[in-house]
N, C-alpha and C. Protein backbone atom coordinates (compact mmCIF):
# COMPACT_ATOMS: atom_id res chain seq x y z
N UNK A 1 0.84 -1.18 0.00
CA UNK A 1 0.00 0.00 0.00
C UNK A 1 0.89 1.24 0.00
N UNK A 2 0.67 2.11 -0.97
CA UNK A 2 1.47 3.33 -1.09
C UNK A 2 0.83 4.45 -0.27
N UNK A 3 1.68 5.23 0.38
CA UNK A 3 1.21 6.38 1.16
C UNK A 3 1.82 7.64 0.57
N UNK A 4 0.95 8.47 -0.02
CA UNK A 4 1.40 9.70 -0.66
C UNK A 4 0.59 10.85 -0.09
N UNK A 5 1.27 11.91 0.32
CA UNK A 5 0.65 13.12 0.88
C UNK A 5 -0.24 12.80 2.08
N UNK A 6 0.17 11.78 2.85
CA UNK A 6 -0.57 11.42 4.06
C UNK A 6 -1.81 10.59 3.80
N UNK A 7 -2.01 10.12 2.58
CA UNK A 7 -3.18 9.33 2.22
C UNK A 7 -2.72 7.93 1.80
N UNK A 8 -3.38 6.91 2.36
CA UNK A 8 -3.12 5.54 1.92
C UNK A 8 -3.92 5.29 0.64
N UNK A 9 -3.23 5.06 -0.44
CA UNK A 9 -3.91 4.82 -1.71
C UNK A 9 -4.42 3.39 -1.73
N UNK A 10 -5.64 3.17 -2.27
CA UNK A 10 -6.19 1.81 -2.34
C UNK A 10 -5.33 0.91 -3.23
N UNK A 11 -4.95 -0.24 -2.72
CA UNK A 11 -3.96 -1.10 -3.37
C UNK A 11 -4.45 -1.72 -4.68
N UNK A 12 -5.73 -1.99 -4.80
CA UNK A 12 -6.22 -2.72 -5.97
C UNK A 12 -6.67 -1.81 -7.11
N UNK A 13 -6.55 -0.51 -6.94
CA UNK A 13 -6.97 0.42 -8.00
C UNK A 13 -5.78 0.75 -8.89
N UNK A 14 -6.11 1.20 -10.13
CA UNK A 14 -5.07 1.70 -11.02
C UNK A 14 -4.53 2.99 -10.42
N UNK A 15 -3.25 3.27 -10.62
CA UNK A 15 -2.62 4.44 -10.01
C UNK A 15 -3.26 5.73 -10.52
N UNK A 16 -3.74 5.73 -11.76
CA UNK A 16 -4.39 6.92 -12.32
C UNK A 16 -5.65 7.27 -11.52
N UNK A 17 -6.39 6.27 -11.09
CA UNK A 17 -7.60 6.48 -10.30
C UNK A 17 -7.24 6.72 -8.84
N UNK A 18 -6.27 5.99 -8.33
CA UNK A 18 -5.90 6.08 -6.91
C UNK A 18 -5.38 7.47 -6.54
N UNK A 19 -4.68 8.12 -7.45
CA UNK A 19 -4.17 9.46 -7.15
C UNK A 19 -5.29 10.47 -6.90
N UNK A 20 -6.47 10.21 -7.49
CA UNK A 20 -7.58 11.15 -7.30
C UNK A 20 -8.17 11.07 -5.90
N UNK A 21 -7.74 10.11 -5.08
CA UNK A 21 -8.17 10.03 -3.68
C UNK A 21 -7.51 11.12 -2.84
N UNK A 22 -6.49 11.75 -3.39
CA UNK A 22 -5.80 12.84 -2.70
C UNK A 22 -6.57 14.12 -3.00
N UNK A 23 -6.95 14.87 -1.95
CA UNK A 23 -7.70 16.11 -2.11
C UNK A 23 -6.85 17.11 -2.86
N UNK A 24 -7.36 17.60 -3.98
CA UNK A 24 -6.62 18.56 -4.79
C UNK A 24 -6.06 17.96 -6.06
N UNK A 25 -6.20 16.64 -6.23
CA UNK A 25 -5.74 15.99 -7.45
C UNK A 25 -6.94 15.34 -8.12
N UNK A 26 -7.25 15.82 -9.32
CA UNK A 26 -8.34 15.26 -10.11
C UNK A 26 -7.79 14.38 -11.21
N UNK A 27 -8.66 13.93 -12.10
CA UNK A 27 -8.21 13.04 -13.18
C UNK A 27 -7.15 13.65 -14.09
N UNK A 28 -7.32 14.90 -14.47
CA UNK A 28 -6.36 15.49 -15.42
C UNK A 28 -5.01 15.72 -14.75
N UNK A 29 -5.00 16.17 -13.50
CA UNK A 29 -3.74 16.37 -12.80
C UNK A 29 -3.06 15.03 -12.52
N UNK A 30 -3.84 13.99 -12.25
CA UNK A 30 -3.27 12.65 -12.03
C UNK A 30 -2.54 12.19 -13.29
N UNK A 31 -3.18 12.38 -14.46
CA UNK A 31 -2.52 12.00 -15.72
C UNK A 31 -1.25 12.80 -15.94
N UNK A 32 -1.31 14.09 -15.60
CA UNK A 32 -0.14 14.96 -15.76
C UNK A 32 1.01 14.48 -14.87
N UNK A 33 0.72 14.13 -13.64
CA UNK A 33 1.75 13.64 -12.70
C UNK A 33 2.36 12.36 -13.22
N UNK A 34 1.52 11.43 -13.69
CA UNK A 34 2.02 10.15 -14.20
C UNK A 34 2.87 10.34 -15.45
N UNK A 35 2.50 11.29 -16.28
CA UNK A 35 3.28 11.56 -17.49
C UNK A 35 4.66 12.10 -17.12
N UNK A 36 4.71 13.01 -16.15
CA UNK A 36 5.99 13.60 -15.74
C UNK A 36 6.91 12.58 -15.06
N UNK A 37 6.32 11.65 -14.30
CA UNK A 37 7.14 10.66 -13.60
C UNK A 37 7.45 9.44 -14.46
N UNK A 38 6.72 9.26 -15.55
CA UNK A 38 6.96 8.12 -16.43
C UNK A 38 6.36 6.83 -15.92
N UNK A 39 5.38 6.91 -15.03
CA UNK A 39 4.72 5.71 -14.50
C UNK A 39 3.54 5.38 -15.41
N UNK A 40 3.36 4.08 -15.69
CA UNK A 40 2.25 3.64 -16.53
C UNK A 40 0.93 3.84 -15.78
N UNK A 41 -0.05 4.55 -16.38
CA UNK A 41 -1.33 4.80 -15.70
C UNK A 41 -2.13 3.55 -15.39
N UNK A 42 -1.88 2.45 -16.10
CA UNK A 42 -2.64 1.22 -15.88
C UNK A 42 -2.06 0.34 -14.79
N UNK A 43 -0.94 0.74 -14.19
CA UNK A 43 -0.31 -0.04 -13.14
C UNK A 43 -1.16 0.03 -11.87
N UNK A 44 -1.36 -1.12 -11.23
CA UNK A 44 -2.07 -1.15 -9.95
C UNK A 44 -1.14 -0.60 -8.87
N UNK A 45 -1.72 -0.03 -7.84
CA UNK A 45 -0.92 0.57 -6.76
C UNK A 45 -0.04 -0.47 -6.10
N UNK A 46 -0.57 -1.69 -5.92
CA UNK A 46 0.22 -2.73 -5.24
C UNK A 46 1.41 -3.19 -6.07
N UNK A 47 1.41 -2.92 -7.38
CA UNK A 47 2.50 -3.33 -8.26
C UNK A 47 3.57 -2.26 -8.45
N UNK A 48 3.42 -1.11 -7.80
CA UNK A 48 4.41 -0.03 -7.95
C UNK A 48 5.71 -0.39 -7.23
N UNK A 49 6.82 0.02 -7.82
CA UNK A 49 8.11 -0.17 -7.17
C UNK A 49 8.36 1.01 -6.23
N UNK A 50 9.35 0.85 -5.36
CA UNK A 50 9.68 1.92 -4.41
C UNK A 50 10.16 3.18 -5.14
N UNK A 51 10.90 3.00 -6.25
CA UNK A 51 11.37 4.15 -7.01
C UNK A 51 10.18 4.93 -7.59
N UNK A 52 9.18 4.20 -8.10
CA UNK A 52 8.00 4.86 -8.67
C UNK A 52 7.22 5.61 -7.59
N UNK A 53 7.07 4.98 -6.43
CA UNK A 53 6.35 5.63 -5.32
C UNK A 53 7.09 6.89 -4.88
N UNK A 54 8.40 6.81 -4.80
CA UNK A 54 9.21 7.98 -4.41
C UNK A 54 9.07 9.09 -5.44
N UNK A 55 9.10 8.73 -6.73
CA UNK A 55 8.96 9.74 -7.78
C UNK A 55 7.58 10.39 -7.73
N UNK A 56 6.54 9.59 -7.49
CA UNK A 56 5.19 10.13 -7.38
C UNK A 56 5.08 11.06 -6.18
N UNK A 57 5.65 10.63 -5.05
CA UNK A 57 5.62 11.45 -3.82
C UNK A 57 6.28 12.80 -4.07
N UNK A 58 7.43 12.79 -4.72
CA UNK A 58 8.17 14.01 -5.00
C UNK A 58 7.37 14.94 -5.93
N UNK A 59 6.71 14.35 -6.92
CA UNK A 59 5.92 15.15 -7.87
C UNK A 59 4.67 15.74 -7.21
N UNK A 60 4.03 14.98 -6.34
CA UNK A 60 2.82 15.46 -5.66
C UNK A 60 3.17 16.59 -4.68
N UNK A 61 4.35 16.55 -4.10
CA UNK A 61 4.77 17.60 -3.17
C UNK A 61 4.88 18.96 -3.84
N UNK A 62 4.98 18.99 -5.18
CA UNK A 62 5.07 20.25 -5.90
C UNK A 62 3.74 21.00 -5.92
N UNK A 63 2.64 20.30 -5.60
CA UNK A 63 1.30 20.91 -5.62
C UNK A 63 0.82 21.16 -4.20
N UNK A 64 -0.14 22.08 -4.08
CA UNK A 64 -0.80 22.32 -2.79
C UNK A 64 -1.95 21.33 -2.71
N UNK A 65 -1.85 20.36 -1.79
CA UNK A 65 -2.87 19.32 -1.66
C UNK A 65 -3.21 19.09 -0.20
N UNK A 66 -4.26 18.31 0.02
CA UNK A 66 -4.72 17.88 1.34
C UNK A 66 -4.86 19.01 2.35
N UNK A 67 -4.23 18.93 3.49
CA UNK A 67 -4.44 19.88 4.59
C UNK A 67 -4.16 21.32 4.22
N UNK A 68 -3.08 21.55 3.49
CA UNK A 68 -2.74 22.92 3.10
C UNK A 68 -3.81 23.51 2.18
N UNK A 69 -4.32 22.71 1.25
CA UNK A 69 -5.35 23.18 0.33
C UNK A 69 -6.66 23.43 1.06
N UNK A 70 -7.03 22.52 1.96
CA UNK A 70 -8.26 22.69 2.74
C UNK A 70 -8.17 23.98 3.57
N UNK A 71 -7.01 24.21 4.17
CA UNK A 71 -6.80 25.42 4.98
C UNK A 71 -6.90 26.67 4.11
N UNK A 72 -6.33 26.61 2.92
CA UNK A 72 -6.36 27.74 2.00
C UNK A 72 -7.80 28.07 1.58
N UNK A 73 -8.59 27.04 1.27
CA UNK A 73 -9.98 27.25 0.87
C UNK A 73 -10.77 27.83 2.03
N UNK A 74 -10.56 27.28 3.23
CA UNK A 74 -11.28 27.79 4.41
C UNK A 74 -10.92 29.25 4.68
N UNK A 75 -9.64 29.61 4.52
CA UNK A 75 -9.22 31.00 4.71
C UNK A 75 -9.81 31.92 3.65
N UNK A 76 -9.91 31.43 2.41
CA UNK A 76 -10.50 32.24 1.34
C UNK A 76 -11.97 32.54 1.65
N UNK A 77 -12.71 31.53 2.12
CA UNK A 77 -14.12 31.74 2.46
C UNK A 77 -14.24 32.68 3.66
N UNK A 78 -13.36 32.51 4.65
CA UNK A 78 -13.40 33.38 5.83
C UNK A 78 -13.09 34.83 5.45
N UNK A 79 -12.18 35.02 4.51
CA UNK A 79 -11.86 36.37 4.04
C UNK A 79 -13.08 37.02 3.40
N UNK A 80 -13.83 36.25 2.59
CA UNK A 80 -15.04 36.79 1.97
C UNK A 80 -16.07 37.19 3.03
N UNK A 81 -16.20 36.36 4.06
CA UNK A 81 -17.13 36.66 5.14
C UNK A 81 -16.69 37.91 5.89
N UNK A 82 -15.40 38.03 6.17
CA UNK A 82 -14.88 39.17 6.94
C UNK A 82 -15.06 40.50 6.22
N UNK A 83 -14.85 40.52 4.90
CA UNK A 83 -14.98 41.79 4.19
C UNK A 83 -16.45 42.12 3.89
N UNK A 84 -17.34 41.15 4.11
CA UNK A 84 -18.77 41.41 3.99
C UNK A 84 -19.27 41.53 2.57
N UNK A 85 -18.59 40.91 1.63
CA UNK A 85 -19.04 40.97 0.24
C UNK A 85 -20.26 40.05 0.05
N UNK A 86 -20.88 40.14 -1.09
CA UNK A 86 -22.10 39.38 -1.37
C UNK A 86 -21.87 37.88 -1.18
N UNK A 87 -20.79 37.38 -1.76
CA UNK A 87 -20.49 35.94 -1.64
C UNK A 87 -20.26 35.55 -0.19
N UNK A 88 -19.59 36.43 0.57
CA UNK A 88 -19.34 36.16 1.98
C UNK A 88 -20.63 36.08 2.77
N UNK A 89 -21.56 37.00 2.48
CA UNK A 89 -22.85 37.00 3.18
C UNK A 89 -23.61 35.71 2.87
N UNK A 90 -23.58 35.29 1.59
CA UNK A 90 -24.28 34.05 1.21
C UNK A 90 -23.67 32.85 1.94
N UNK A 91 -22.34 32.81 2.07
CA UNK A 91 -21.69 31.73 2.83
C UNK A 91 -22.15 31.76 4.27
N UNK A 92 -22.18 32.95 4.85
CA UNK A 92 -22.52 33.12 6.27
C UNK A 92 -23.95 32.68 6.56
N UNK A 93 -24.89 33.05 5.67
CA UNK A 93 -26.31 32.75 5.86
C UNK A 93 -26.62 31.30 5.49
N UNK A 94 -25.75 30.69 4.69
CA UNK A 94 -25.97 29.29 4.30
C UNK A 94 -26.86 29.14 3.09
N UNK A 95 -26.70 30.04 2.14
CA UNK A 95 -27.45 29.98 0.89
C UNK A 95 -26.49 29.77 -0.28
N UNK A 96 -26.99 29.37 -1.46
CA UNK A 96 -26.10 29.18 -2.61
C UNK A 96 -25.34 30.45 -2.94
N UNK A 97 -24.07 30.28 -3.31
CA UNK A 97 -23.17 31.40 -3.48
C UNK A 97 -23.08 31.82 -4.95
N UNK A 98 -23.31 30.92 -5.86
CA UNK A 98 -23.00 31.18 -7.27
C UNK A 98 -24.21 31.48 -8.14
N UNK A 99 -25.22 32.15 -7.57
CA UNK A 99 -26.31 32.66 -8.38
C UNK A 99 -27.44 31.69 -8.69
N UNK A 100 -27.46 30.52 -8.03
CA UNK A 100 -28.54 29.58 -8.30
C UNK A 100 -29.86 30.10 -7.72
N UNK A 101 -30.97 29.63 -8.30
CA UNK A 101 -32.29 30.01 -7.79
C UNK A 101 -32.56 29.25 -6.49
N UNK A 102 -33.32 29.89 -5.60
CA UNK A 102 -33.58 29.26 -4.30
C UNK A 102 -35.07 29.10 -4.01
N UNK A 103 -35.93 29.54 -4.92
CA UNK A 103 -37.36 29.47 -4.63
C UNK A 103 -37.84 28.03 -4.55
N UNK A 104 -37.38 27.18 -5.47
CA UNK A 104 -37.89 25.81 -5.47
C UNK A 104 -36.81 24.77 -5.17
N UNK A 105 -35.54 25.14 -5.29
CA UNK A 105 -34.47 24.16 -5.06
C UNK A 105 -33.57 24.61 -3.92
N UNK A 106 -32.32 24.25 -3.93
CA UNK A 106 -31.31 24.61 -2.92
C UNK A 106 -31.57 23.93 -1.59
N UNK A 107 -32.13 22.73 -1.60
CA UNK A 107 -32.42 22.04 -0.35
C UNK A 107 -31.13 21.67 0.39
N UNK A 108 -30.08 21.39 -0.34
CA UNK A 108 -28.82 21.04 0.31
C UNK A 108 -28.33 22.19 1.16
N UNK A 109 -28.39 23.40 0.62
CA UNK A 109 -27.92 24.58 1.35
C UNK A 109 -28.89 24.99 2.44
N UNK A 110 -30.19 24.99 2.11
CA UNK A 110 -31.18 25.54 3.04
C UNK A 110 -31.57 24.56 4.14
N UNK A 111 -31.30 23.28 3.94
CA UNK A 111 -31.65 22.29 4.94
C UNK A 111 -33.07 21.78 4.74
N UNK A 112 -33.53 20.88 5.63
CA UNK A 112 -34.88 20.33 5.47
C UNK A 112 -35.94 21.41 5.68
N UNK A 113 -37.09 21.20 5.04
CA UNK A 113 -38.18 22.17 5.17
C UNK A 113 -38.73 22.14 6.59
N UNK A 114 -39.12 23.30 7.12
CA UNK A 114 -39.72 23.31 8.46
C UNK A 114 -41.09 22.63 8.42
N UNK A 115 -41.45 21.96 9.51
CA UNK A 115 -42.73 21.27 9.59
C UNK A 115 -43.86 22.29 9.70
N UNK A 116 -44.96 22.03 8.98
CA UNK A 116 -46.11 22.93 9.05
C UNK A 116 -47.08 22.40 10.11
N UNK A 117 -47.66 23.30 10.85
CA UNK A 117 -48.60 22.91 11.90
C UNK A 117 -49.88 22.38 11.28
N UNK A 118 -50.37 21.28 11.82
CA UNK A 118 -51.63 20.72 11.37
C UNK A 118 -51.58 19.91 10.10
N UNK A 119 -50.40 19.72 9.54
CA UNK A 119 -50.29 18.95 8.31
C UNK A 119 -50.14 17.47 8.64
N UNK A 120 -51.00 16.67 8.03
CA UNK A 120 -50.95 15.23 8.28
C UNK A 120 -50.09 14.53 7.23
N UNK A 121 -49.46 13.46 7.65
CA UNK A 121 -48.61 12.69 6.73
C UNK A 121 -49.42 11.68 6.00
């Protein structure tokens, strides 16, 4: 089992898919990393050699991933809230931030509907 950026990659997955388990690495960046390191994308994680794992680890360290990226995103949202801009207010109130309609949808953001008095199930 390979451990990269503090994440245990699933042993039976292809390395191209397994790299996407790291927060901040998607499919296109995973392909880019594999191309730079020269590792075959179809190789299973359990079949990687130590040299390949080391090369992957070194290449992933060049990007902002996992804890640092999560911290950066949280700080960006907090900055928006602190300056009181429209997006910050929407984050603070718990409503959609990117212009979606809220009259009939946005249940994920708004939470469950309040119960109405006298309504039977």
